[in-house]
Amino acid sequence: MGVLALYSVVAGLGGAVIIGPVLNALPGSILGLWGVGALLVFGAGLFTMALECLFGIVGIGLAVLVFVVLGNPSAGGVFPPPMLPPFWRAIGPWLPNGAATTVTRSIAYFHGDRITGPLLVLAVWAVVGMLVALVFTKLRPGGDSAEQAPLM
């Protein structure tokens, strides 16, 4: 989880720099965009880790289903939520993709107004992922062992 946290910070910074100064695609605070990017990567990574702890390799496929198949069309990036079909409009704000899109849009165009709800959504995905991963890692046979199996 520590490596994921470090990766999230670097990925968030990279994304903020690319969409900000490099491409000039979005106005707004580089720090704000960095933070939302890092939180999105961290939450999605932790939730994917949790699904893998629960379901093994199938968990990665479930994460793709949640974040790509359901999350991308419902995020409202290209089309604002009122223009989305009812199903996508209903699930979009509750998935990390939609919450991050809302926060990013608010940072870029509305001075960061009304971001508390979407930031809480991102935080909940991260916390739930972390708790599930920690609990099921501890419950797995050998999970409480101080010794780790050799990598080779």
N, C-alpha and C. Protein backbone atom coordinates (compact mmCIF):
# COMPACT_ATOMS: atom_id res chain seq x y z
N MET A 1 0.82 -1.19 0.00
CA MET A 1 0.00 0.00 0.00
C MET A 1 0.87 1.26 0.00
N GLY A 2 2.02 1.15 0.63
CA GLY A 2 2.93 2.28 0.62
C GLY A 2 3.44 2.60 -0.77
N VAL A 3 3.76 1.56 -1.53
CA VAL A 3 4.21 1.76 -2.90
C VAL A 3 3.08 2.34 -3.74
N LEU A 4 1.86 1.87 -3.52
CA LEU A 4 0.71 2.41 -4.24
C LEU A 4 0.51 3.88 -3.91
N ALA A 5 0.69 4.25 -2.65
CA ALA A 5 0.55 5.66 -2.25
C ALA A 5 1.60 6.51 -2.96
N LEU A 6 2.84 6.05 -2.99
CA LEU A 6 3.89 6.79 -3.68
C LEU A 6 3.60 6.90 -5.18
N TYR A 7 3.19 5.79 -5.78
CA TYR A 7 2.83 5.80 -7.20
C TYR A 7 1.68 6.77 -7.46
N SER A 8 0.70 6.81 -6.58
CA SER A 8 -0.46 7.69 -6.75
C SER A 8 -0.05 9.15 -6.74
N VAL A 9 0.86 9.50 -5.85
CA VAL A 9 1.33 10.89 -5.78
C VAL A 9 2.06 11.26 -7.06
N VAL A 10 2.93 10.37 -7.55
CA VAL A 10 3.68 10.64 -8.78
C VAL A 10 2.74 10.69 -9.99
N ALA A 11 1.79 9.75 -10.06
CA ALA A 11 0.84 9.73 -11.19
C ALA A 11 -0.06 10.96 -11.17
N GLY A 12 -0.51 11.37 -9.99
CA GLY A 12 -1.32 12.58 -9.88
C GLY A 12 -0.58 13.81 -10.34
N LEU A 13 0.69 13.91 -9.95
CA LEU A 13 1.51 15.04 -10.39
C LEU A 13 1.72 15.00 -11.90
N GLY A 14 2.03 13.83 -12.42
CA GLY A 14 2.23 13.70 -13.86
C GLY A 14 1.00 14.09 -14.65
N GLY A 15 -0.15 13.63 -14.21
CA GLY A 15 -1.39 13.98 -14.89
C GLY A 15 -1.68 15.47 -14.82
N ALA A 16 -1.47 16.07 -13.66
CA ALA A 16 -1.73 17.50 -13.49
C ALA A 16 -0.81 18.34 -14.36
N VAL A 17 0.45 17.95 -14.45
CA VAL A 17 1.41 18.69 -15.27
C VAL A 17 1.06 18.54 -16.75
N ILE A 18 0.69 17.33 -17.16
CA ILE A 18 0.38 17.11 -18.57
C ILE A 18 -0.88 17.86 -18.99
N ILE A 19 -1.95 17.78 -18.21
CA ILE A 19 -3.18 18.46 -18.62
C ILE A 19 -3.14 19.96 -18.36
N GLY A 20 -2.24 20.38 -17.50
CA GLY A 20 -2.11 21.81 -17.20
C GLY A 20 -1.10 22.49 -18.10
N PRO A 21 0.12 22.66 -17.62
CA PRO A 21 1.12 23.42 -18.37
C PRO A 21 1.53 22.81 -19.71
N VAL A 22 1.60 21.49 -19.82
CA VAL A 22 2.10 20.88 -21.05
C VAL A 22 1.08 21.01 -22.19
N LEU A 23 -0.14 20.54 -21.98
CA LEU A 23 -1.16 20.58 -23.03
C LEU A 23 -2.07 21.80 -22.93
N ASN A 24 -2.04 22.46 -21.81
CA ASN A 24 -2.93 23.60 -21.57
C ASN A 24 -4.39 23.21 -21.82
N ALA A 25 -4.75 21.98 -21.41
CA ALA A 25 -6.09 21.46 -21.65
C ALA A 25 -7.09 21.92 -20.60
N LEU A 26 -6.63 22.11 -19.36
CA LEU A 26 -7.53 22.53 -18.29
C LEU A 26 -6.89 23.66 -17.50
N PRO A 27 -7.66 24.70 -17.25
CA PRO A 27 -7.17 25.72 -16.33
C PRO A 27 -7.35 25.22 -14.89
N GLY A 28 -6.91 25.96 -13.96
CA GLY A 28 -7.14 25.60 -12.57
C GLY A 28 -5.87 25.30 -11.83
N SER A 29 -6.02 25.04 -10.58
CA SER A 29 -4.92 24.81 -9.66
C SER A 29 -4.19 23.50 -9.97
N ILE A 30 -2.90 23.61 -10.20
CA ILE A 30 -2.10 22.39 -10.39
C ILE A 30 -2.14 21.54 -9.12
N LEU A 31 -2.07 22.17 -7.96
CA LEU A 31 -2.13 21.41 -6.70
C LEU A 31 -3.47 20.69 -6.55
N GLY A 32 -4.56 21.36 -6.89
CA GLY A 32 -5.87 20.73 -6.81
C GLY A 32 -6.01 19.56 -7.76
N LEU A 33 -5.57 19.75 -8.99
CA LEU A 33 -5.64 18.66 -9.98
C LEU A 33 -4.72 17.51 -9.58
N TRP A 34 -3.56 17.84 -9.02
CA TRP A 34 -2.64 16.82 -8.53
C TRP A 34 -3.30 16.00 -7.42
N GLY A 35 -3.95 16.68 -6.48
CA GLY A 35 -4.59 15.99 -5.37
C GLY A 35 -5.71 15.06 -5.81
N VAL A 36 -6.57 15.55 -6.70
CA VAL A 36 -7.68 14.69 -7.14
C VAL A 36 -7.15 13.52 -7.96
N GLY A 37 -6.12 13.76 -8.76
CA GLY A 37 -5.53 12.66 -9.53
C GLY A 37 -4.91 11.60 -8.63
N ALA A 38 -4.19 12.06 -7.61
CA ALA A 38 -3.57 11.12 -6.67
C ALA A 38 -4.63 10.32 -5.90
N LEU A 39 -5.69 10.99 -5.48
CA LEU A 39 -6.75 10.31 -4.74
C LEU A 39 -7.49 9.30 -5.63
N LEU A 40 -7.69 9.66 -6.88
CA LEU A 40 -8.34 8.74 -7.81
C LEU A 40 -7.49 7.49 -8.03
N VAL A 41 -6.23 7.68 -8.29
CA VAL A 41 -5.34 6.53 -8.53
C VAL A 41 -5.25 5.67 -7.27
N PHE A 42 -5.11 6.31 -6.11
CA PHE A 42 -4.98 5.57 -4.86
C PHE A 42 -6.26 4.78 -4.55
N GLY A 43 -7.41 5.43 -4.69
CA GLY A 43 -8.68 4.74 -4.40
C GLY A 43 -8.95 3.59 -5.35
N ALA A 44 -8.73 3.80 -6.64
CA ALA A 44 -8.95 2.73 -7.62
C ALA A 44 -7.95 1.59 -7.39
N GLY A 45 -6.73 1.94 -7.07
CA GLY A 45 -5.72 0.91 -6.81
C GLY A 45 -6.04 0.09 -5.58
N LEU A 46 -6.44 0.76 -4.51
CA LEU A 46 -6.79 0.03 -3.28
C LEU A 46 -8.02 -0.84 -3.47
N PHE A 47 -9.01 -0.33 -4.19
CA PHE A 47 -10.21 -1.13 -4.41
C PHE A 47 -9.89 -2.34 -5.30
N THR A 48 -9.03 -2.15 -6.29
CA THR A 48 -8.60 -3.27 -7.12
C THR A 48 -7.85 -4.29 -6.28
N MET A 49 -7.01 -3.80 -5.38
CA MET A 49 -6.28 -4.69 -4.47
C MET A 49 -7.24 -5.48 -3.60
N ALA A 50 -8.29 -4.82 -3.12
CA ALA A 50 -9.29 -5.50 -2.29
C ALA A 50 -10.01 -6.58 -3.08
N LEU A 51 -10.40 -6.25 -4.32
CA LEU A 51 -11.08 -7.25 -5.15
C LEU A 51 -10.17 -8.44 -5.43
N GLU A 52 -8.89 -8.17 -5.60
CA GLU A 52 -7.95 -9.27 -5.84
C GLU A 52 -7.78 -10.12 -4.57
N CYS A 53 -7.79 -9.50 -3.41
CA CYS A 53 -7.72 -10.25 -2.16
C CYS A 53 -8.95 -11.15 -2.00
N LEU A 54 -10.11 -10.64 -2.41
CA LEU A 54 -11.34 -11.40 -2.26
C LEU A 54 -11.51 -12.50 -3.31
N PHE A 55 -11.16 -12.19 -4.57
CA PHE A 55 -11.50 -13.09 -5.67
C PHE A 55 -10.30 -13.59 -6.46
N GLY A 56 -9.10 -13.29 -6.01
CA GLY A 56 -7.92 -13.71 -6.76
C GLY A 56 -7.80 -12.93 -8.06
N ILE A 57 -7.29 -13.58 -9.07
CA ILE A 57 -7.06 -12.92 -10.36
C ILE A 57 -8.35 -12.42 -10.99
N VAL A 58 -9.47 -13.05 -10.67
CA VAL A 58 -10.77 -12.61 -11.19
C VAL A 58 -11.10 -11.20 -10.68
N GLY A 59 -10.56 -10.84 -9.53
CA GLY A 59 -10.79 -9.51 -8.97
C GLY A 59 -10.31 -8.40 -9.89
N ILE A 60 -9.24 -8.65 -10.62
CA ILE A 60 -8.75 -7.65 -11.56
C ILE A 60 -9.78 -7.44 -12.67
N GLY A 61 -10.36 -8.51 -13.16
CA GLY A 61 -11.42 -8.40 -14.16
C GLY A 61 -12.63 -7.66 -13.63
N LEU A 62 -12.96 -7.90 -12.35
CA LEU A 62 -14.08 -7.18 -11.75
C LEU A 62 -13.77 -5.69 -11.63
N ALA A 63 -12.52 -5.36 -11.33
CA ALA A 63 -12.11 -3.95 -11.27
C ALA A 63 -12.24 -3.30 -12.65
N VAL A 64 -11.85 -4.01 -13.69
CA VAL A 64 -12.01 -3.48 -15.05
C VAL A 64 -13.49 -3.25 -15.34
N LEU A 65 -14.32 -4.18 -14.92
CA LEU A 65 -15.77 -4.02 -15.11
C LEU A 65 -16.28 -2.76 -14.41
N VAL A 66 -15.87 -2.56 -13.16
CA VAL A 66 -16.35 -1.41 -12.40
C VAL A 66 -15.80 -0.10 -12.96
N PHE A 67 -14.48 -0.03 -13.15
CA PHE A 67 -13.86 1.25 -13.49
C PHE A 67 -13.90 1.59 -14.97
N VAL A 68 -13.83 0.60 -15.83
CA VAL A 68 -13.79 0.88 -17.27
C VAL A 68 -15.17 0.72 -17.89
N VAL A 69 -15.78 -0.43 -17.71
CA VAL A 69 -17.06 -0.70 -18.38
C VAL A 69 -18.19 0.15 -17.79
N LEU A 70 -18.23 0.27 -16.47
CA LEU A 70 -19.28 1.09 -15.84
C LEU A 70 -18.82 2.53 -15.58
N GLY A 71 -17.59 2.70 -15.16
CA GLY A 71 -17.11 4.01 -14.74
C GLY A 71 -16.88 5.01 -15.86
N ASN A 72 -16.26 4.58 -16.93
CA ASN A 72 -15.95 5.54 -17.99
C ASN A 72 -17.19 6.12 -18.67
N PRO A 73 -18.16 5.32 -19.10
CA PRO A 73 -19.33 5.93 -19.75
C PRO A 73 -20.18 6.78 -18.80
N SER A 74 -20.13 6.47 -17.51
CA SER A 74 -20.99 7.19 -16.57
C SER A 74 -20.31 8.41 -15.96
N ALA A 75 -19.05 8.65 -16.28
CA ALA A 75 -18.30 9.74 -15.64
C ALA A 75 -18.79 11.12 -16.05
N GLY A 76 -19.35 11.24 -17.22
CA GLY A 76 -19.85 12.54 -17.65
C GLY A 76 -18.75 13.48 -18.09
N GLY A 77 -17.68 12.95 -18.63
CA GLY A 77 -16.59 13.80 -19.08
C GLY A 77 -16.92 14.55 -20.35
N VAL A 78 -17.31 13.84 -21.39
CA VAL A 78 -17.63 14.45 -22.67
C VAL A 78 -19.02 15.05 -22.63
N PHE A 79 -19.96 14.33 -22.07
CA PHE A 79 -21.33 14.80 -21.96
C PHE A 79 -21.62 15.06 -20.48
N PRO A 80 -22.19 16.20 -20.15
CA PRO A 80 -22.53 16.45 -18.75
C PRO A 80 -23.60 15.47 -18.27
N PRO A 81 -23.65 15.19 -16.98
CA PRO A 81 -24.60 14.20 -16.46
C PRO A 81 -26.04 14.36 -16.93
N PRO A 82 -26.59 15.57 -17.05
CA PRO A 82 -27.99 15.66 -17.51
C PRO A 82 -28.21 15.10 -18.92
N MET A 83 -27.15 15.00 -19.71
CA MET A 83 -27.29 14.48 -21.07
C MET A 83 -27.07 12.97 -21.15
N LEU A 84 -26.70 12.33 -20.04
CA LEU A 84 -26.47 10.89 -20.03
C LEU A 84 -27.80 10.14 -19.89
N PRO A 85 -27.86 8.91 -20.42
CA PRO A 85 -29.05 8.08 -20.17
C PRO A 85 -29.23 7.85 -18.67
N PRO A 86 -30.44 7.57 -18.23
CA PRO A 86 -30.74 7.49 -16.79
C PRO A 86 -29.84 6.53 -16.00
N PHE A 87 -29.56 5.34 -16.54
CA PHE A 87 -28.72 4.40 -15.80
C PHE A 87 -27.34 4.98 -15.54
N TRP A 88 -26.71 5.51 -16.58
CA TRP A 88 -25.35 6.06 -16.44
C TRP A 88 -25.36 7.29 -15.53
N ARG A 89 -26.38 8.11 -15.64
CA ARG A 89 -26.49 9.31 -14.80
C ARG A 89 -26.63 8.92 -13.34
N ALA A 90 -27.34 7.81 -13.07
CA ALA A 90 -27.56 7.39 -11.68
C ALA A 90 -26.30 6.84 -11.02
N ILE A 91 -25.49 6.08 -11.75
CA ILE A 91 -24.32 5.46 -11.12
C ILE A 91 -23.08 6.33 -11.19
N GLY A 92 -23.03 7.27 -12.13
CA GLY A 92 -21.82 8.06 -12.35
C GLY A 92 -21.26 8.76 -11.13
N PRO A 93 -22.06 9.48 -10.36
CA PRO A 93 -21.50 10.21 -9.22
C PRO A 93 -20.96 9.32 -8.11
N TRP A 94 -21.36 8.04 -8.10
CA TRP A 94 -20.96 7.14 -7.02
C TRP A 94 -19.73 6.31 -7.37
N LEU A 95 -19.27 6.41 -8.60
CA LEU A 95 -18.06 5.70 -9.02
C LEU A 95 -16.89 6.69 -9.03
N PRO A 96 -15.68 6.21 -8.79
CA PRO A 96 -14.53 7.13 -8.74
C PRO A 96 -14.35 7.96 -10.01
N ASN A 97 -14.61 7.37 -11.17
CA ASN A 97 -14.45 8.11 -12.43
C ASN A 97 -15.33 9.35 -12.45
N GLY A 98 -16.60 9.19 -12.11
CA GLY A 98 -17.53 10.31 -12.12
C GLY A 98 -17.23 11.33 -11.05
N ALA A 99 -16.87 10.86 -9.86
CA ALA A 99 -16.54 11.78 -8.78
C ALA A 99 -15.31 12.60 -9.13
N ALA A 100 -14.29 11.96 -9.68
CA ALA A 100 -13.07 12.67 -10.06
C ALA A 100 -13.34 13.66 -11.20
N THR A 101 -14.19 13.28 -12.14
CA THR A 101 -14.54 14.19 -13.23
C THR A 101 -15.25 15.42 -12.69
N THR A 102 -16.15 15.23 -11.75
CA THR A 102 -16.86 16.36 -11.15
C THR A 102 -15.90 17.29 -10.42
N VAL A 103 -14.99 16.72 -9.63
CA VAL A 103 -14.03 17.55 -8.90
C VAL A 103 -13.12 18.28 -9.87
N THR A 104 -12.64 17.59 -10.90
CA THR A 104 -11.75 18.22 -11.87
C THR A 104 -12.45 19.37 -12.59
N ARG A 105 -13.68 19.16 -12.98
CA ARG A 105 -14.46 20.21 -13.65
C ARG A 105 -14.63 21.41 -12.71
N SER A 106 -14.90 21.14 -11.45
CA SER A 106 -15.08 22.21 -10.49
C SER A 106 -13.79 22.99 -10.25
N ILE A 107 -12.67 22.29 -10.16
CA ILE A 107 -11.38 22.96 -9.98
C ILE A 107 -11.06 23.81 -11.19
N ALA A 108 -11.30 23.27 -12.37
CA ALA A 108 -10.91 23.96 -13.60
C ALA A 108 -11.80 25.16 -13.90
N TYR A 109 -13.09 25.05 -13.65
CA TYR A 109 -14.01 26.07 -14.12
C TYR A 109 -14.81 26.80 -13.05
N PHE A 110 -14.90 26.25 -11.84
CA PHE A 110 -15.77 26.83 -10.82
C PHE A 110 -15.05 27.10 -9.51
N HIS A 111 -13.73 27.29 -9.56
CA HIS A 111 -12.93 27.65 -8.38
C HIS A 111 -13.06 26.65 -7.24
N GLY A 112 -13.31 25.39 -7.56
CA GLY A 112 -13.37 24.34 -6.54
C GLY A 112 -14.64 24.31 -5.73
N ASP A 113 -15.71 24.91 -6.23
CA ASP A 113 -16.98 24.90 -5.50
C ASP A 113 -17.62 23.52 -5.53
N ARG A 114 -18.27 23.17 -4.44
CA ARG A 114 -19.07 21.94 -4.32
C ARG A 114 -18.28 20.67 -4.63
N ILE A 115 -17.14 20.53 -4.01
CA ILE A 115 -16.34 19.33 -4.25
C ILE A 115 -16.34 18.37 -3.05
N THR A 116 -16.96 18.76 -1.95
CA THR A 116 -16.92 17.93 -0.75
C THR A 116 -17.54 16.55 -1.00
N GLY A 117 -18.72 16.50 -1.60
CA GLY A 117 -19.39 15.21 -1.85
C GLY A 117 -18.56 14.29 -2.74
N PRO A 118 -18.13 14.76 -3.91
CA PRO A 118 -17.32 13.89 -4.76
C PRO A 118 -15.98 13.48 -4.12
N LEU A 119 -15.37 14.38 -3.34
CA LEU A 119 -14.13 13.99 -2.65
C LEU A 119 -14.41 12.91 -1.60
N LEU A 120 -15.55 12.99 -0.95
CA LEU A 120 -15.92 11.94 0.01
C LEU A 120 -16.14 10.61 -0.70
N VAL A 121 -16.73 10.65 -1.88
CA VAL A 121 -16.91 9.42 -2.66
C VAL A 121 -15.54 8.79 -2.95
N LEU A 122 -14.59 9.60 -3.41
CA LEU A 122 -13.24 9.08 -3.70
C LEU A 122 -12.59 8.53 -2.43
N ALA A 123 -12.75 9.23 -1.32
CA ALA A 123 -12.15 8.79 -0.06
C ALA A 123 -12.78 7.48 0.42
N VAL A 124 -14.09 7.34 0.27
CA VAL A 124 -14.76 6.11 0.70
C VAL A 124 -14.27 4.91 -0.11
N TRP A 125 -14.11 5.07 -1.42
CA TRP A 125 -13.57 3.97 -2.23
C TRP A 125 -12.19 3.58 -1.74
N ALA A 126 -11.36 4.55 -1.40
CA ALA A 126 -10.01 4.27 -0.91
C ALA A 126 -10.05 3.57 0.45
N VAL A 127 -10.87 4.08 1.37
CA VAL A 127 -10.94 3.51 2.71
C VAL A 127 -11.51 2.10 2.68
N VAL A 128 -12.58 1.90 1.93
CA VAL A 128 -13.18 0.56 1.83
C VAL A 128 -12.17 -0.41 1.22
N GLY A 129 -11.50 0.02 0.15
CA GLY A 129 -10.49 -0.84 -0.46
C GLY A 129 -9.39 -1.20 0.51
N MET A 130 -8.91 -0.21 1.27
CA MET A 130 -7.84 -0.47 2.22
C MET A 130 -8.30 -1.43 3.32
N LEU A 131 -9.48 -1.19 3.88
CA LEU A 131 -9.97 -2.04 4.95
C LEU A 131 -10.19 -3.48 4.49
N VAL A 132 -10.82 -3.64 3.34
CA VAL A 132 -11.06 -5.00 2.82
C VAL A 132 -9.74 -5.71 2.55
N ALA A 133 -8.80 -5.01 1.93
CA ALA A 133 -7.50 -5.63 1.64
C ALA A 133 -6.78 -6.02 2.92
N LEU A 134 -6.78 -5.15 3.91
CA LEU A 134 -6.11 -5.46 5.17
C LEU A 134 -6.77 -6.61 5.91
N VAL A 135 -8.10 -6.59 5.98
CA VAL A 135 -8.82 -7.64 6.71
C VAL A 135 -8.63 -8.99 6.03
N PHE A 136 -8.80 -9.05 4.72
CA PHE A 136 -8.72 -10.34 4.06
C PHE A 136 -7.28 -10.82 3.91
N THR A 137 -6.32 -9.92 3.93
CA THR A 137 -4.92 -10.35 3.95
C THR A 137 -4.61 -10.97 5.30
N LYS A 138 -5.15 -10.40 6.36
CA LYS A 138 -4.94 -10.93 7.71
C LYS A 138 -5.65 -12.26 7.90
N LEU A 139 -6.84 -12.44 7.30
CA LEU A 139 -7.61 -13.66 7.46
C LEU A 139 -7.10 -14.82 6.60
N ARG A 140 -6.40 -14.50 5.54
CA ARG A 140 -5.90 -15.54 4.63
C ARG A 140 -4.90 -16.42 5.38
N PRO A 141 -4.89 -17.71 5.10
CA PRO A 141 -3.91 -18.58 5.75
C PRO A 141 -2.50 -18.05 5.54
N GLY A 142 -1.76 -17.91 6.63
CA GLY A 142 -0.41 -17.38 6.55
C GLY A 142 -0.38 -15.86 6.57
N GLY A 143 -1.53 -15.21 6.65
CA GLY A 143 -1.59 -13.75 6.62
C GLY A 143 -1.06 -13.11 7.88
N ASP A 144 -1.08 -13.87 9.01
CA ASP A 144 -0.57 -13.29 10.26
C ASP A 144 0.87 -13.70 10.51
N SER A 145 1.44 -14.43 9.60
CA SER A 145 2.82 -14.87 9.75
C SER A 145 3.78 -13.71 9.58
N ALA A 146 4.77 -13.64 10.43
CA ALA A 146 5.77 -12.57 10.33
C ALA A 146 6.74 -12.85 9.18
N GLU A 147 6.90 -14.11 8.85
CA GLU A 147 7.81 -14.47 7.76
C GLU A 147 7.06 -14.51 6.44
N GLN A 148 7.71 -14.03 5.42
CA GLN A 148 7.15 -14.07 4.08
C GLN A 148 7.82 -15.19 3.29
N ALA A 149 7.07 -15.76 2.36
CA ALA A 149 7.64 -16.80 1.52
C ALA A 149 8.70 -16.18 0.61
N PRO A 150 9.74 -16.93 0.30
CA PRO A 150 10.77 -16.38 -0.59
C PRO A 150 10.18 -16.08 -1.97
N LEU A 151 10.73 -15.06 -2.63
CA LEU A 151 10.23 -14.64 -3.92
C LEU A 151 10.64 -15.59 -5.04
N MET A 152 11.62 -16.40 -4.83
CA MET A 152 12.10 -17.28 -5.91
C MET A 152 11.51 -18.64 -5.83
